[in-house]
Structure formats: structure tokens, C-alpha cells
Amino acid sequence: MTFIVKGPAFGIRKAIVSLNPGLLVHYSYMEDHGWALSFFEKDELISTYKCDWTEELHIEKDKLDIVLLRELIIKQGNSIEDLEKALDLAEDVGEEPPAYFIANKLGLSYYEWLSADNIGDGSYYKNLVIVD
């Protein structure tokens, strides 16, 4: 299930994370600036990755649990081939941005142009919840 939080974009709301009963994926893509991927087990941050290219390329992946990421991709029935390339931005991994490549591998339903500001009432999307 995908849910969108109204309010400031891209931040992680502690109020939502505190109610998480299992594994939660926080994905954000800021086309002109970068992208980020975080995983929470209940309310504990267990893995995070950030890539920023606002001024110059800066990748933070020292807190990324690559084993967890690989396991989640494999559980979706997808290949982990080119995963490291996408995370390092070392080489192209196809026609899509690395953030989309990873989102597809993880089986995320919605990840393109998805924010409370641009989806209207959300009725177009299945399994989408809008949270105030």
C-alpha cells in the first residue's frame, strides 16, 4: 500500500513512523535535487540511502543495508543485477533514472510525480491513502 502525507514534502513524520507495525519504506524523489530511500522496522530506522546532485553529486550509502535491499528485491521476483550501478550512479542502468530503477525493483506501485500537491483527491490510484 502507498500512502502520501500532506504537508511539507520529502520529510519523515515521526507520528506516522511511531504507528508502524512492521516494515515501512520511505521513498522520495526530487527530480532536480536527488532521491532517498529509508527502511523502518516498526519505529526504528534500519537502513537509509541518500543521493543529492543539487550542486555536486553526493551519495550517502554507509547506512544502507544492502542485504535487506537485495532480499526485498528478490522477494518481488526481480533481479538484483545492476543494483550497485544504480546506487553508485556509476553507469546508466537503462532509460529510467536510478531512483525509478530501484522503485521498480522493489515493486513500489506509485513513485512517479506522487505528492499530495499533484494527485488531486487520489481517486485515480488504487491502494493509496492520503494522510493529514
C-alpha atoms as a PDB file:
ATOM      1  CA  MET A   1       0.000   0.000   0.000  1.00  0.00           C
ATOM      2  CA  THR A   2       1.180   3.501  -0.780  1.00  0.00           C
ATOM      3  CA  PHE A   3       0.346   6.487   1.342  1.00  0.00           C
ATOM      4  CA  ILE A   4       1.052  10.155   0.918  1.00  0.00           C
ATOM      5  CA  VAL A   5       1.377  12.614   3.752  1.00  0.00           C
ATOM      6  CA  LYS A   6       0.001  16.114   3.308  1.00  0.00           C
ATOM      7  CA  GLY A   7       2.296  18.929   4.310  1.00  0.00           C
ATOM      8  CA  PRO A   8       5.994  19.539   3.711  1.00  0.00           C
ATOM      9  CA  ALA A   9       7.300  17.196   1.040  1.00  0.00           C
ATOM     10  CA  PHE A  10      10.078  14.666   1.491  1.00  0.00           C
ATOM     11  CA  GLY A  11      10.259  14.668   5.291  1.00  0.00           C
ATOM     12  CA  ILE A  12       9.708  11.676   7.537  1.00  0.00           C
ATOM     13  CA  ARG A  13       6.902  12.157  10.050  1.00  0.00           C
ATOM     14  CA  LYS A  14       7.692  10.644  13.442  1.00  0.00           C
ATOM     15  CA  ALA A  15       3.961  10.430  14.219  1.00  0.00           C
ATOM     16  CA  ILE A  16       3.487   8.018  11.306  1.00  0.00           C
ATOM     17  CA  VAL A  17       6.637   6.003  11.922  1.00  0.00           C
ATOM     18  CA  SER A  18       5.672   5.567  15.582  1.00  0.00           C
ATOM     19  CA  LEU A  19       2.500   3.714  14.472  1.00  0.00           C
ATOM     20  CA  ASN A  20       4.292   1.400  12.047  1.00  0.00           C
ATOM     21  CA  PRO A  21       3.623  -2.271  12.915  1.00  0.00           C
ATOM     22  CA  GLY A  22       6.188  -3.823  10.539  1.00  0.00           C
ATOM     23  CA  LEU A  23       8.466  -2.830   7.670  1.00  0.00           C
ATOM     24  CA  LEU A  24       7.962   0.650   6.240  1.00  0.00           C
ATOM     25  CA  VAL A  25       9.650   2.033   3.128  1.00  0.00           C
ATOM     26  CA  HIS A  26      10.063   5.783   2.773  1.00  0.00           C
ATOM     27  CA  TYR A  27      10.896   6.698  -0.825  1.00  0.00           C
ATOM     28  CA  SER A  28      11.343  10.228  -2.096  1.00  0.00           C
ATOM     29  CA  TYR A  29      12.489  11.548  -5.442  1.00  0.00           C
ATOM     30  CA  MET A  30      13.204  15.210  -6.037  1.00  0.00           C
ATOM     31  CA  GLU A  31      13.931  15.277  -9.760  1.00  0.00           C
ATOM     32  CA  ASP A  32      16.113  18.388  -9.703  1.00  0.00           C
ATOM     33  CA  HIS A  33      17.903  17.590  -6.453  1.00  0.00           C
ATOM     34  CA  GLY A  34      18.211  13.891  -5.612  1.00  0.00           C
ATOM     35  CA  TRP A  35      16.458  10.941  -4.066  1.00  0.00           C
ATOM     36  CA  ALA A  36      16.334   8.969  -0.829  1.00  0.00           C
ATOM     37  CA  LEU A  37      15.259   5.576   0.409  1.00  0.00           C
ATOM     38  CA  SER A  38      14.801   4.608   4.059  1.00  0.00           C
ATOM     39  CA  PHE A  39      13.528   1.477   5.773  1.00  0.00           C
ATOM     40  CA  PHE A  40      11.970   1.317   9.212  1.00  0.00           C
ATOM     41  CA  GLU A  41      11.306  -1.783  11.305  1.00  0.00           C
ATOM     42  CA  LYS A  42       8.460  -0.596  13.490  1.00  0.00           C
ATOM     43  CA  ASP A  43       9.727   2.830  14.615  1.00  0.00           C
ATOM     44  CA  GLU A  44      13.439   2.106  14.209  1.00  0.00           C
ATOM     45  CA  LEU A  45      15.364   3.366  11.184  1.00  0.00           C
ATOM     46  CA  ILE A  46      17.256   0.297   9.963  1.00  0.00           C
ATOM     47  CA  SER A  47      18.577   1.412   6.583  1.00  0.00           C
ATOM     48  CA  THR A  48      18.960   4.636   4.653  1.00  0.00           C
ATOM     49  CA  TYR A  49      20.388   5.864   1.363  1.00  0.00           C
ATOM     50  CA  LYS A  50      20.595   9.406   0.018  1.00  0.00           C
ATOM     51  CA  CYS A  51      21.774  10.765  -3.293  1.00  0.00           C
ATOM     52  CA  ASP A  52      21.922  14.518  -3.889  1.00  0.00           C
ATOM     53  CA  TRP A  53      23.020  16.351  -7.016  1.00  0.00           C
ATOM     54  CA  THR A  54      21.803  19.866  -6.200  1.00  0.00           C
ATOM     55  CA  GLU A  55      25.284  21.360  -6.554  1.00  0.00           C
ATOM     56  CA  GLU A  56      27.552  18.352  -6.986  1.00  0.00           C
ATOM     57  CA  LEU A  57      26.965  14.635  -6.724  1.00  0.00           C
ATOM     58  CA  HIS A  58      26.952  13.396  -3.133  1.00  0.00           C
ATOM     59  CA  ILE A  59      25.933   9.834  -2.212  1.00  0.00           C
ATOM     60  CA  GLU A  60      25.403   8.647   1.365  1.00  0.00           C
ATOM     61  CA  LYS A  61      25.145   4.881   1.472  1.00  0.00           C
ATOM     62  CA  ASP A  62      27.168   3.946   4.557  1.00  0.00           C
ATOM     63  CA  LYS A  63      23.899   3.325   6.458  1.00  0.00           C
ATOM     64  CA  LEU A  64      22.302   1.326   3.648  1.00  0.00           C
ATOM     65  CA  ASP A  65      21.564  -2.303   4.489  1.00  0.00           C
ATOM     66  CA  ILE A  66      22.352  -3.718   1.060  1.00  0.00           C
ATOM     67  CA  VAL A  67      21.479  -7.245   2.209  1.00  0.00           C
ATOM     68  CA  LEU A  68      17.970  -6.110   3.178  1.00  0.00           C
ATOM     69  CA  LEU A  69      17.558  -4.227  -0.103  1.00  0.00           C
ATOM     70  CA  ARG A  70      18.625  -7.276  -2.106  1.00  0.00           C
ATOM     71  CA  GLU A  71      16.261  -9.541  -0.134  1.00  0.00           C
ATOM     72  CA  LEU A  72      13.297  -7.217  -0.711  1.00  0.00           C
ATOM     73  CA  ILE A  73      14.016  -7.029  -4.444  1.00  0.00           C
ATOM     74  CA  ILE A  74      14.334 -10.802  -4.731  1.00  0.00           C
ATOM     75  CA  LYS A  75      11.060 -11.257  -2.789  1.00  0.00           C
ATOM     76  CA  GLN A  76       9.382  -9.239  -5.530  1.00  0.00           C
ATOM     77  CA  GLY A  77      10.716 -11.733  -8.083  1.00  0.00           C
ATOM     78  CA  ASN A  78      13.154  -9.217  -9.537  1.00  0.00           C
ATOM     79  CA  SER A  79      16.823  -9.453 -10.381  1.00  0.00           C
ATOM     80  CA  ILE A  80      19.431  -7.630  -8.331  1.00  0.00           C
ATOM     81  CA  GLU A  81      21.584  -7.178 -11.442  1.00  0.00           C
ATOM     82  CA  ASP A  82      22.817  -3.586 -11.837  1.00  0.00           C
ATOM     83  CA  LEU A  83      21.711  -2.690  -8.297  1.00  0.00           C
ATOM     84  CA  GLU A  84      25.131  -1.353  -7.282  1.00  0.00           C
ATOM     85  CA  LYS A  85      25.429   0.594 -10.556  1.00  0.00           C
ATOM     86  CA  ALA A  86      22.138   2.319  -9.806  1.00  0.00           C
ATOM     87  CA  LEU A  87      23.149   3.138  -6.229  1.00  0.00           C
ATOM     88  CA  ASP A  88      26.547   4.494  -7.289  1.00  0.00           C
ATOM     89  CA  LEU A  89      25.290   6.267 -10.406  1.00  0.00           C
ATOM     90  CA  ALA A  90      28.456   4.862 -11.965  1.00  0.00           C
ATOM     91  CA  GLU A  91      26.798   3.712 -15.178  1.00  0.00           C
ATOM     92  CA  ASP A  92      23.432   4.000 -16.839  1.00  0.00           C
ATOM     93  CA  VAL A  93      21.028   1.230 -15.900  1.00  0.00           C
ATOM     94  CA  GLY A  94      18.591   1.756 -18.731  1.00  0.00           C
ATOM     95  CA  GLU A  95      16.400   4.630 -19.759  1.00  0.00           C
ATOM     96  CA  GLU A  96      14.937   5.384 -16.337  1.00  0.00           C
ATOM     97  CA  PRO A  97      16.555   7.334 -13.501  1.00  0.00           C
ATOM     98  CA  PRO A  98      18.248   5.150 -10.852  1.00  0.00           C
ATOM     99  CA  ALA A  99      15.544   6.107  -8.326  1.00  0.00           C
ATOM    100  CA  TYR A 100      12.865   4.703 -10.643  1.00  0.00           C
ATOM    101  CA  PHE A 101      15.004   1.641 -11.371  1.00  0.00           C
ATOM    102  CA  ILE A 102      15.179   0.841  -7.637  1.00  0.00           C
ATOM    103  CA  ALA A 103      11.475   1.642  -7.079  1.00  0.00           C
ATOM    104  CA  ASN A 104      10.566  -0.794  -9.865  1.00  0.00           C
ATOM    105  CA  LYS A 105      12.853  -3.472  -8.447  1.00  0.00           C
ATOM    106  CA  LEU A 106      11.195  -3.057  -5.023  1.00  0.00           C
ATOM    107  CA  GLY A 107       7.762  -3.364  -6.572  1.00  0.00           C
ATOM    108  CA  LEU A 108       6.588   0.060  -5.420  1.00  0.00           C
ATOM    109  CA  SER A 109       3.239   0.746  -7.062  1.00  0.00           C
ATOM    110  CA  TYR A 110       3.433   4.507  -7.294  1.00  0.00           C
ATOM    111  CA  TYR A 111       6.572   6.598  -7.324  1.00  0.00           C
ATOM    112  CA  GLU A 112       6.389   8.988 -10.283  1.00  0.00           C
ATOM    113  CA  TRP A 113       5.178  12.519  -9.598  1.00  0.00           C
ATOM    114  CA  LEU A 114       3.496  11.397  -6.430  1.00  0.00           C
ATOM    115  CA  SER A 115       2.854  14.052  -3.813  1.00  0.00           C
ATOM    116  CA  ALA A 116      -0.158  15.496  -2.052  1.00  0.00           C
ATOM    117  CA  ASP A 117       0.204  18.581  -4.251  1.00  0.00           C
ATOM    118  CA  ASN A 118      -0.292  16.828  -7.572  1.00  0.00           C
ATOM    119  CA  ILE A 119      -2.668  13.874  -7.164  1.00  0.00           C
ATOM    120  CA  GLY A 120      -5.964  15.668  -6.574  1.00  0.00           C
ATOM    121  CA  ASP A 121      -8.264  13.578  -4.391  1.00  0.00           C
ATOM    122  CA  GLY A 122      -6.293  10.394  -5.156  1.00  0.00           C
ATOM    123  CA  SER A 123      -9.300   8.600  -6.652  1.00  0.00           C
ATOM    124  CA  TYR A 124      -7.284   7.615  -9.753  1.00  0.00           C
ATOM    125  CA  TYR A 125      -4.984   5.424  -7.647  1.00  0.00           C
ATOM    126  CA  LYS A 126      -5.782   2.020  -6.136  1.00  0.00           C
ATOM    127  CA  ASN A 127      -4.420   1.185  -2.663  1.00  0.00           C
ATOM    128  CA  LEU A 128      -3.424   4.782  -1.986  1.00  0.00           C
ATOM    129  CA  VAL A 129      -4.135   6.539   1.287  1.00  0.00           C
ATOM    130  CA  ILE A 130      -3.764  10.255   1.876  1.00  0.00           C
ATOM    131  CA  VAL A 131      -2.797  11.139   5.453  1.00  0.00           C
ATOM    132  CA  ASP A 132      -3.145  14.569   7.086  1.00  0.00           C
END
